[in-house]
């Protein structure tokens, strides 16, 4: 569905467009930045995903069609045409590490040229080992070993250093994502690791500095990321998500997956209550009934003659799956050192976080404070999109507006760094996309 901005747009200096290509939903957002620096959502749209599984493209044509459809809905809602988009990468073997480098200054005042020389030196320290570098960003600088310097210019030091946050991904899956976007007649403005995008939307700068864990529950995959010192220090992907709960419900009651998804969203909960044993829930939705309201198809396993199940049985299936997921999340946090006395706030986001009682369940299971992470309520943003399931989408636009420095651009100009994946295709790719567009529409 498409969502129209709630307030008329003011004079805009720039616009940003983003597409989040998930396994459950493909969504698009167009955001504008006013001359005064204020951000507002101009329009958004989403539809059921297709051709994507666990963050990987499995059907190029289906994925491209879903992307084009979502973007066209956002364009219609905003009245703004889109030529290029920022996209998120949730799978593709994401990995994160920190590279530290320093240079001799000799006690003099640090100038712009010194910072540039340091970042150029850091470029040679990146070791991708055959993988794609999504990000290589300076997190903070050091003066004679003292950390936490945001801007060293104008200060004196013997040695100037910097910590570079490097995010890597497998090349082929990223190329498939970018090609799906290109097949939808769009250019890729940038590829952003999903945890970084979600962190931009859900986490405060203070949280990222002091230490926080971000758990993003998607349909097929759950990304567990640990931030500290302003950087994403650790990342682990759990091959489970909200789709695992849906599958368990479908299997337990012998019903269709669409029915299981509806039951999970309408009546599912991560927290049981005494009233659950007395409440009967209809398995069939509004579109599942025949003439005179009669139930079509077989009855669910354990259902009564009206195809209703006891809510307590549904909640039991949900909590069993959540127990397995939370156990894997806990192992990931422990492996990254975010446990015991060093543990802190856990922020839960992603579409799977919208299940009723999810934060309370995770807090009890992990023994750590847990809160839901939502994108900020920007001007023009529909209320429905002020939800964990749209955090990565909004975060992509916020990331683009923030325009973070990438050390690969230093000495070459910023232009083109984020288009590294599309540049490889060259002129031939442009000709091919033009041919596909002509063939499709004429």
Protein backbone atom coordinates (compact mmCIF):
# COMPACT_ATOMS: atom_id res chain seq x y z
CA UNK A 1 0.00 0.00 0.00
CA UNK A 2 1.09 3.59 -0.50
CA UNK A 3 1.24 6.28 2.17
CA UNK A 4 0.90 9.99 1.47
CA UNK A 5 2.77 12.66 3.39
CA UNK A 6 0.72 14.26 6.16
CA UNK A 7 2.06 17.77 5.65
CA UNK A 8 2.71 19.70 2.42
CA UNK A 9 6.41 19.68 1.53
CA UNK A 10 8.40 22.85 2.01
CA UNK A 11 11.17 24.03 -0.31
CA UNK A 12 13.59 21.11 -0.52
CA UNK A 13 17.34 21.21 -0.96
CA UNK A 14 17.74 17.46 -1.50
CA UNK A 15 15.70 14.27 -1.68
CA UNK A 16 16.67 10.73 -0.73
CA UNK A 17 15.02 7.50 -1.80
CA UNK A 18 15.48 4.11 -0.17
CA UNK A 19 14.31 0.55 -0.74
CA UNK A 20 14.41 -2.19 1.89
CA UNK A 21 14.29 -5.56 0.13
CA UNK A 22 13.19 -8.02 2.78
CA UNK A 23 12.02 -11.61 2.69
CA UNK A 24 8.53 -10.65 3.91
CA UNK A 25 8.07 -7.11 2.63
CA UNK A 26 9.66 -4.83 0.05
CA UNK A 27 9.25 -1.19 1.03
CA UNK A 28 10.28 2.19 -0.37
CA UNK A 29 10.51 5.67 1.13
CA UNK A 30 11.21 9.10 -0.31
CA UNK A 31 12.52 11.68 2.15
CA UNK A 32 13.21 15.37 1.59
CA UNK A 33 15.64 17.71 3.32
CA UNK A 34 14.65 21.36 3.53
CA UNK A 35 17.05 24.25 3.07
CA UNK A 36 17.00 24.59 6.85
CA UNK A 37 18.16 21.00 7.32
CA UNK A 38 14.81 19.58 8.48
CA UNK A 39 13.82 16.13 7.22
CA UNK A 40 10.35 15.09 6.18
CA UNK A 41 8.86 11.99 4.58
CA UNK A 42 7.36 12.82 1.20
CA UNK A 43 5.85 9.42 0.53
CA UNK A 44 6.29 5.70 1.03
CA UNK A 45 4.94 2.42 -0.23
CA UNK A 46 5.28 -1.28 0.41
CA UNK A 47 4.09 -4.63 -0.87
CA UNK A 48 4.64 -8.33 -0.25
CA UNK A 49 8.17 -9.35 -1.05
CA UNK A 50 9.06 -11.77 -3.84
CA UNK A 51 12.21 -13.46 -5.06
CA UNK A 52 14.17 -12.93 -1.82
CA UNK A 53 15.05 -15.47 0.88
CA UNK A 54 17.20 -14.84 3.95
CA UNK A 55 18.48 -11.60 2.43
CA UNK A 56 19.54 -13.29 -0.82
CA UNK A 57 17.92 -12.82 -4.24
CA UNK A 58 16.52 -16.17 -5.38
CA UNK A 59 14.39 -14.99 -8.33
CA UNK A 60 15.76 -11.95 -10.16
CA UNK A 61 12.62 -11.16 -12.16
CA UNK A 62 10.28 -11.45 -9.18
CA UNK A 63 12.55 -9.34 -6.95
CA UNK A 64 12.89 -6.62 -9.60
CA UNK A 65 9.11 -6.47 -10.09
CA UNK A 66 8.52 -6.12 -6.33
CA UNK A 67 11.11 -3.33 -6.11
CA UNK A 68 9.61 -1.45 -9.07
CA UNK A 69 6.11 -1.81 -7.61
CA UNK A 70 7.09 -0.52 -4.15
CA UNK A 71 8.98 2.44 -5.62
CA UNK A 72 6.10 3.37 -7.93
CA UNK A 73 3.74 3.41 -4.94
CA UNK A 74 6.11 5.75 -3.09
CA UNK A 75 6.44 7.93 -6.20
CA UNK A 76 2.68 8.16 -6.54
CA UNK A 77 2.26 9.04 -2.87
CA UNK A 78 4.93 11.73 -2.95
CA UNK A 79 4.53 13.04 -6.48
CA UNK A 80 8.30 12.75 -6.76
CA UNK A 81 10.05 10.64 -9.43
CA UNK A 82 12.95 8.46 -8.33
CA UNK A 83 16.03 7.62 -10.38
CA UNK A 84 18.37 6.18 -7.75
CA UNK A 85 17.91 4.56 -4.35
CA UNK A 86 19.81 3.48 -1.28
CA UNK A 87 19.38 -0.19 -0.42
CA UNK A 88 20.02 -2.30 2.67
CA UNK A 89 22.00 -5.53 2.80
CA UNK A 90 20.82 -7.86 5.58
CA UNK A 91 22.43 -11.15 4.54
CA UNK A 92 25.42 -11.73 2.25
CA UNK A 93 27.66 -12.86 5.12
CA UNK A 94 27.99 -9.43 6.72
CA UNK A 95 31.09 -9.02 8.88
CA UNK A 96 32.46 -6.08 10.83
CA UNK A 97 35.88 -5.22 12.21
CA UNK A 98 37.96 -2.23 13.29
CA UNK A 99 41.25 -1.12 11.74
CA UNK A 100 43.54 1.23 13.69
CA UNK A 101 46.29 3.33 12.10
CA UNK A 102 48.40 6.31 13.19
CA UNK A 103 51.00 8.68 11.73
CA UNK A 104 53.77 10.93 13.10
CA UNK A 105 52.84 14.60 13.65
CA UNK A 106 55.82 15.77 15.72
CA UNK A 107 53.97 17.90 18.24
CA UNK A 108 52.74 20.53 15.81
CA UNK A 109 49.20 21.70 15.13
CA UNK A 110 47.07 19.22 13.16
CA UNK A 111 45.88 20.55 9.81
CA UNK A 112 43.34 19.30 7.27
CA UNK A 113 46.21 17.87 5.21
CA UNK A 114 47.30 15.72 8.16
CA UNK A 115 43.84 14.22 8.58
CA UNK A 116 43.66 13.50 4.86
CA UNK A 117 47.13 11.88 4.92
CA UNK A 118 46.02 9.70 7.84
CA UNK A 119 42.87 8.51 6.06
CA UNK A 120 44.83 7.82 2.87
CA UNK A 121 47.25 5.75 4.97
CA UNK A 122 44.27 3.86 6.38
CA UNK A 123 43.09 2.95 2.88
CA UNK A 124 46.04 0.58 2.53
CA UNK A 125 45.15 -1.12 5.83
CA UNK A 126 41.81 -2.48 4.61
CA UNK A 127 42.11 -6.20 3.85
CA UNK A 128 38.86 -7.36 2.23
CA UNK A 129 40.21 -10.86 1.41
CA UNK A 130 38.21 -11.04 -1.78
CA UNK A 131 35.02 -9.65 -0.26
CA UNK A 132 33.14 -6.41 -0.94
CA UNK A 133 33.80 -3.44 1.33
CA UNK A 134 30.43 -1.84 2.08
CA UNK A 135 31.74 0.76 4.52
CA UNK A 136 35.11 2.03 5.70
CA UNK A 137 34.34 4.89 8.04
CA UNK A 138 36.43 6.77 10.61
CA UNK A 139 34.74 6.32 13.99
CA UNK A 140 36.96 8.53 16.14
CA UNK A 141 40.51 9.83 16.26
CA UNK A 142 43.29 9.39 18.82
CA UNK A 143 45.91 11.89 19.96
CA UNK A 144 49.02 10.23 21.38
CA UNK A 145 46.91 7.15 22.16
CA UNK A 146 44.08 9.06 23.84
CA UNK A 147 40.76 7.90 22.32
CA UNK A 148 37.47 9.69 21.75
CA UNK A 149 38.56 12.71 19.70
CA UNK A 150 35.80 13.68 17.27
CA UNK A 151 37.73 16.39 15.38
CA UNK A 152 41.51 16.64 15.84
CA UNK A 153 41.97 19.68 13.59
CA UNK A 154 43.66 22.58 15.39
CA UNK A 155 45.00 20.40 18.22
CA UNK A 156 48.64 19.44 18.87
CA UNK A 157 49.98 15.89 19.09
CA UNK A 158 53.05 13.76 18.58
CA UNK A 159 51.02 11.06 16.82
CA UNK A 160 47.59 11.20 15.21
CA UNK A 161 45.57 8.00 14.90
CA UNK A 162 42.15 6.87 13.77
CA UNK A 163 39.92 3.83 14.25
CA UNK A 164 38.24 2.77 10.99
CA UNK A 165 35.04 0.73 11.05
CA UNK A 166 35.06 -1.69 8.10
CA UNK A 167 31.95 -3.60 7.00
CA UNK A 168 32.41 -6.48 4.56
CA UNK A 169 29.96 -8.61 2.59
CA UNK A 170 30.13 -11.45 0.08
CA UNK A 171 30.36 -10.00 -3.41
CA UNK A 172 27.91 -12.16 -5.38
CA UNK A 173 24.82 -11.61 -3.16
CA UNK A 174 25.44 -7.85 -3.16
CA UNK A 175 25.76 -7.85 -6.93
CA UNK A 176 22.47 -9.76 -7.18
CA UNK A 177 20.76 -7.15 -5.01
CA UNK A 178 22.11 -4.26 -7.07
CA UNK A 179 21.22 -6.01 -10.33
CA UNK A 180 17.63 -6.54 -9.12
CA UNK A 181 17.41 -2.78 -8.50
CA UNK A 182 18.91 -2.03 -11.90
CA UNK A 183 16.41 -4.40 -13.52
CA UNK A 184 13.72 -2.24 -11.91
CA UNK A 185 15.13 0.68 -13.97
CA UNK A 186 16.82 2.34 -10.99
CA UNK A 187 20.39 3.21 -10.09
CA UNK A 188 21.94 2.17 -6.77
CA UNK A 189 23.03 5.23 -4.84
CA UNK A 190 24.54 3.17 -2.03
CA UNK A 191 24.49 -0.23 -0.32
CA UNK A 192 24.21 0.02 3.47
CA UNK A 193 24.53 -2.83 5.96
CA UNK A 194 21.07 -3.27 7.49
CA UNK A 195 22.31 -3.09 11.12
CA UNK A 196 23.94 0.29 10.40
CA UNK A 197 20.77 1.62 8.82
CA UNK A 198 18.58 0.34 11.66
CA UNK A 199 21.04 1.78 14.18
CA UNK A 200 20.73 5.22 12.58
CA UNK A 201 16.97 5.05 13.10
CA UNK A 202 16.74 3.41 16.54
CA UNK A 203 19.86 4.25 18.54
CA UNK A 204 20.95 7.54 20.04
CA UNK A 205 24.55 8.73 19.58
CA UNK A 206 25.04 8.28 23.33
CA UNK A 207 23.89 4.65 23.17
CA UNK A 208 26.25 3.91 20.28
CA UNK A 209 29.08 5.51 22.25
CA UNK A 210 28.49 3.87 25.64
CA UNK A 211 27.54 0.42 24.34
CA UNK A 212 24.28 -1.14 23.17
CA UNK A 213 23.10 -4.28 21.40
CA UNK A 214 20.72 -4.03 18.46
CA UNK A 215 18.66 -7.14 17.68
CA UNK A 216 16.86 -6.83 14.35
CA UNK A 217 14.31 -9.61 13.82
CA UNK A 218 13.43 -10.08 10.18
CA UNK A 219 11.31 -12.74 8.54
CA UNK A 220 14.12 -15.22 7.87
CA UNK A 221 17.15 -13.82 9.67
CA UNK A 222 17.92 -12.03 12.93
CA UNK A 223 20.94 -9.72 12.96
CA UNK A 224 22.57 -9.21 16.35
CA UNK A 225 24.90 -6.20 16.41
CA UNK A 226 26.91 -4.66 19.24
CA UNK A 227 27.81 -0.96 19.16
CA UNK A 228 30.38 0.81 21.36
CA UNK A 229 32.67 3.78 20.96
CA UNK A 230 30.39 5.04 18.20
CA UNK A 231 31.12 1.96 16.05
CA UNK A 232 29.51 -1.34 15.19
CA UNK A 233 32.04 -3.63 16.86
CA UNK A 234 30.44 -7.04 16.45
CA UNK A 235 27.84 -8.67 14.24
CA UNK A 236 26.26 -12.12 14.18
CA UNK A 237 23.45 -13.42 11.97
CA UNK A 238 21.00 -15.96 13.43
CA UNK A 239 19.25 -17.98 10.66
CA UNK A 240 15.86 -17.65 12.36
CA UNK A 241 13.21 -14.93 12.38
CA UNK A 242 9.52 -14.22 12.66
CA UNK A 243 8.92 -16.50 9.70
CA UNK A 244 10.09 -19.42 11.86
CA UNK A 245 7.19 -18.69 14.22
CA UNK A 246 4.74 -18.61 11.32
CA UNK A 247 6.05 -21.94 10.01
CA UNK A 248 5.77 -23.52 13.46
CA UNK A 249 2.13 -22.38 13.79
CA UNK A 250 1.28 -23.73 10.32
CA UNK A 251 2.93 -27.06 11.11
CA UNK A 252 1.45 -27.44 14.60
CA UNK A 253 -2.15 -26.81 13.51
CA UNK A 254 -1.95 -28.17 9.96
CA UNK A 255 -3.06 -24.89 8.36
CA UNK A 256 -1.93 -22.71 5.48
CA UNK A 257 0.96 -20.36 6.02
CA UNK A 258 -1.24 -17.33 5.26
CA UNK A 259 -3.62 -18.45 8.03
CA UNK A 260 -0.71 -18.97 10.40
CA UNK A 261 0.64 -15.47 9.66
CA UNK A 262 -2.77 -13.94 10.36
CA UNK A 263 -3.11 -15.87 13.63
CA UNK A 264 0.35 -14.77 14.74
CA UNK A 265 -0.32 -11.10 14.01
CA UNK A 266 -3.91 -10.94 15.29
CA UNK A 267 -3.85 -13.22 18.33
CA UNK A 268 -0.23 -14.27 18.89
CA UNK A 269 1.66 -13.12 21.96
CA UNK A 270 5.02 -13.71 23.60
CA UNK A 271 3.42 -13.51 27.05
CA UNK A 272 0.81 -15.99 28.28
CA UNK A 273 -2.15 -14.98 30.43
CA UNK A 274 -4.70 -17.01 32.47
CA UNK A 275 -7.49 -15.93 30.13
CA UNK A 276 -5.81 -17.63 27.16
CA UNK A 277 -7.28 -21.03 28.14
CA UNK A 278 -10.82 -19.65 27.88
CA UNK A 279 -10.45 -17.75 24.61
CA UNK A 280 -11.28 -19.40 21.29
CA UNK A 281 -9.71 -17.93 18.13
CA UNK A 282 -11.11 -18.49 14.62
CA UNK A 283 -8.50 -19.98 12.33
CA UNK A 284 -10.24 -18.86 9.14
CA UNK A 285 -9.97 -15.23 8.17
CA UNK A 286 -12.58 -13.11 6.36
CA UNK A 287 -11.50 -14.46 2.99
CA UNK A 288 -11.55 -18.11 4.06
CA UNK A 289 -15.30 -18.50 4.51
CA UNK A 290 -17.71 -19.87 1.93
CA UNK A 291 -21.42 -19.18 1.51
CA UNK A 292 -23.37 -18.34 4.67
CA UNK A 293 -20.08 -17.99 6.55
CA UNK A 294 -19.32 -21.70 6.33
CA UNK A 295 -15.70 -22.68 6.83
CA UNK A 296 -13.91 -23.83 3.70
CA UNK A 297 -11.16 -26.43 3.70
CA UNK A 298 -10.14 -28.84 6.48
CA UNK A 299 -10.35 -27.98 10.15
CA UNK A 300 -7.19 -27.03 11.99
CA UNK A 301 -5.66 -29.72 14.17
CA UNK A 302 -7.34 -29.54 17.59
CA UNK A 303 -9.99 -27.04 16.42
CA UNK A 304 -13.69 -27.23 17.29
CA UNK A 305 -16.45 -27.63 14.69
CA UNK A 306 -16.29 -23.89 13.92
CA UNK A 307 -12.56 -24.14 13.21
CA UNK A 308 -11.52 -22.30 16.36
CA UNK A 309 -8.48 -23.08 18.50
CA UNK A 310 -7.69 -22.25 22.11
CA UNK A 311 -5.49 -19.17 22.31
CA UNK A 312 -3.28 -20.80 24.95
CA UNK A 313 -2.23 -23.43 22.41
CA UNK A 314 -1.25 -20.73 19.92
CA UNK A 315 0.74 -18.82 22.55
CA UNK A 316 2.52 -22.06 23.55
CA UNK A 317 3.75 -22.57 19.98
CA UNK A 318 4.86 -18.94 19.73
CA UNK A 319 6.77 -18.95 23.02
CA UNK A 320 8.49 -22.24 22.22
CA UNK A 321 9.89 -20.79 19.00
CA UNK A 322 10.80 -17.55 20.75
CA UNK A 323 12.68 -19.55 23.36
CA UNK A 324 14.87 -21.05 20.63
CA UNK A 325 15.41 -17.68 18.96
CA UNK A 326 16.25 -15.92 22.23
CA UNK A 327 18.66 -18.70 23.12
CA UNK A 328 20.58 -18.12 19.87
CA UNK A 329 20.52 -14.34 20.42
CA UNK A 330 21.93 -14.85 23.92
CA UNK A 331 24.75 -17.04 22.56
CA UNK A 332 25.60 -14.39 19.96
CA UNK A 333 25.72 -11.62 22.57
CA UNK A 334 27.92 -13.73 24.84
CA UNK A 335 30.30 -14.53 21.98
CA UNK A 336 30.65 -10.80 21.31
CA UNK A 337 31.35 -10.02 24.97
CA UNK A 338 27.99 -8.35 25.58
CA UNK A 339 27.07 -10.41 28.64
CA UNK A 340 27.50 -10.41 32.41
CA UNK A 341 28.84 -7.20 33.98
CA UNK A 342 29.63 -5.78 30.50
CA UNK A 343 26.06 -6.23 29.26
CA UNK A 344 23.80 -3.24 28.84
CA UNK A 345 20.74 -2.09 26.97
CA UNK A 346 19.31 -4.32 24.24
CA UNK A 347 17.23 -2.61 21.55
CA UNK A 348 14.78 -4.81 19.68
CA UNK A 349 13.69 -3.84 16.18
CA UNK A 350 12.57 -5.30 12.85
CA UNK A 351 9.14 -6.62 11.87
CA UNK A 352 9.41 -9.55 14.27
CA UNK A 353 9.73 -7.15 17.20
CA UNK A 354 6.13 -6.03 16.67
CA UNK A 355 4.73 -9.26 18.15
CA UNK A 356 2.81 -8.46 21.35
CA UNK A 357 4.94 -8.86 24.48
CA UNK A 358 8.18 -9.43 22.58
CA UNK A 359 10.30 -6.94 24.55
CA UNK A 360 9.09 -8.31 27.90
CA UNK A 361 9.80 -11.89 26.80
CA UNK A 362 13.34 -11.06 25.67
CA UNK A 363 14.06 -9.06 28.79
CA UNK A 364 13.11 -11.99 30.98
CA UNK A 365 15.01 -14.51 28.85
CA UNK A 366 18.19 -12.46 28.46
CA UNK A 367 18.23 -10.92 31.92
CA UNK A 368 19.05 -7.53 30.39
CA UNK A 369 17.01 -4.36 29.87
CA UNK A 370 15.20 -4.51 26.53
CA UNK A 371 13.29 -1.78 24.71
CA UNK A 372 11.65 -1.56 21.31
CA UNK A 373 13.51 0.43 18.67
CA UNK A 374 11.40 2.61 16.39
CA UNK A 375 12.36 5.18 13.76
CA UNK A 376 11.89 8.82 14.80
CA UNK A 377 8.48 10.35 14.09
CA UNK A 378 9.49 12.62 11.22
CA UNK A 379 7.19 15.14 9.58
CA UNK A 380 5.02 13.41 7.01
CA UNK A 381 5.74 9.91 8.30
CA UNK A 382 2.57 7.76 8.50
CA UNK A 383 1.84 6.50 12.00
CA UNK A 384 1.99 2.92 10.73
CA UNK A 385 5.61 3.44 9.69
CA UNK A 386 6.63 4.68 13.14
CA UNK A 387 7.15 1.01 13.98
CA UNK A 388 10.09 -1.40 14.37
CA UNK A 389 9.31 -3.05 11.04
CA UNK A 390 10.19 0.16 9.16
CA UNK A 391 13.32 1.07 11.13
CA UNK A 392 15.77 -0.08 8.46
CA UNK A 393 13.85 1.70 5.69
CA UNK A 394 13.78 5.02 7.54
CA UNK A 395 17.37 4.46 8.66
CA UNK A 396 18.50 4.23 5.04
CA UNK A 397 17.19 7.73 4.36
CA UNK A 398 18.64 9.06 7.61
CA UNK A 399 21.99 7.47 6.78
CA UNK A 400 21.97 9.09 3.34
CA UNK A 401 21.12 12.48 4.83
CA UNK A 402 23.89 12.10 7.42
CA UNK A 403 26.35 11.59 4.55
CA UNK A 404 29.04 9.76 6.57
CA UNK A 405 32.66 9.95 5.41
CA UNK A 406 34.08 6.87 3.70
CA UNK A 407 37.88 6.77 3.63
CA UNK A 408 37.85 5.24 0.14
CA UNK A 409 36.67 8.64 -1.13
CA UNK A 410 39.49 10.60 0.45
CA UNK A 411 41.83 11.94 -2.20
CA UNK A 412 39.42 11.03 -5.01
CA UNK A 413 36.34 13.11 -4.17
CA UNK A 414 33.15 11.79 -2.63
CA UNK A 415 31.39 11.20 -5.97
CA UNK A 416 31.19 7.61 -7.02
CA UNK A 417 32.21 5.84 -3.82
CA UNK A 418 28.72 4.63 -3.08
CA UNK A 419 28.19 3.70 -6.73
CA UNK A 420 31.09 1.26 -6.84
CA UNK A 421 28.77 -1.66 -7.42
CA UNK A 422 26.99 -0.06 -10.38
CA UNK A 423 30.07 1.40 -12.02
CA UNK A 424 31.35 -2.10 -12.87
CA UNK A 425 28.51 -2.58 -15.33
CA UNK A 426 29.59 0.48 -17.31
CA UNK A 427 27.94 1.67 -20.46
CA UNK A 428 26.74 -1.81 -21.45
CA UNK A 429 24.56 -2.07 -18.34
CA UNK A 430 22.93 1.26 -19.16
CA UNK A 431 22.19 0.10 -22.69
CA UNK A 432 20.79 -3.21 -21.40
CA UNK A 433 18.50 -1.46 -18.90
CA UNK A 434 17.26 0.90 -21.60
CA UNK A 435 16.55 -2.05 -23.87
CA UNK A 436 14.66 -3.87 -21.09
CA UNK A 437 12.58 -0.77 -20.39
CA UNK A 438 11.69 -0.33 -24.06
CA UNK A 439 10.83 -4.00 -24.38
CA UNK A 440 8.66 -3.91 -21.24
CA UNK A 441 6.68 -0.77 -22.04
CA UNK A 442 6.58 -0.87 -25.83
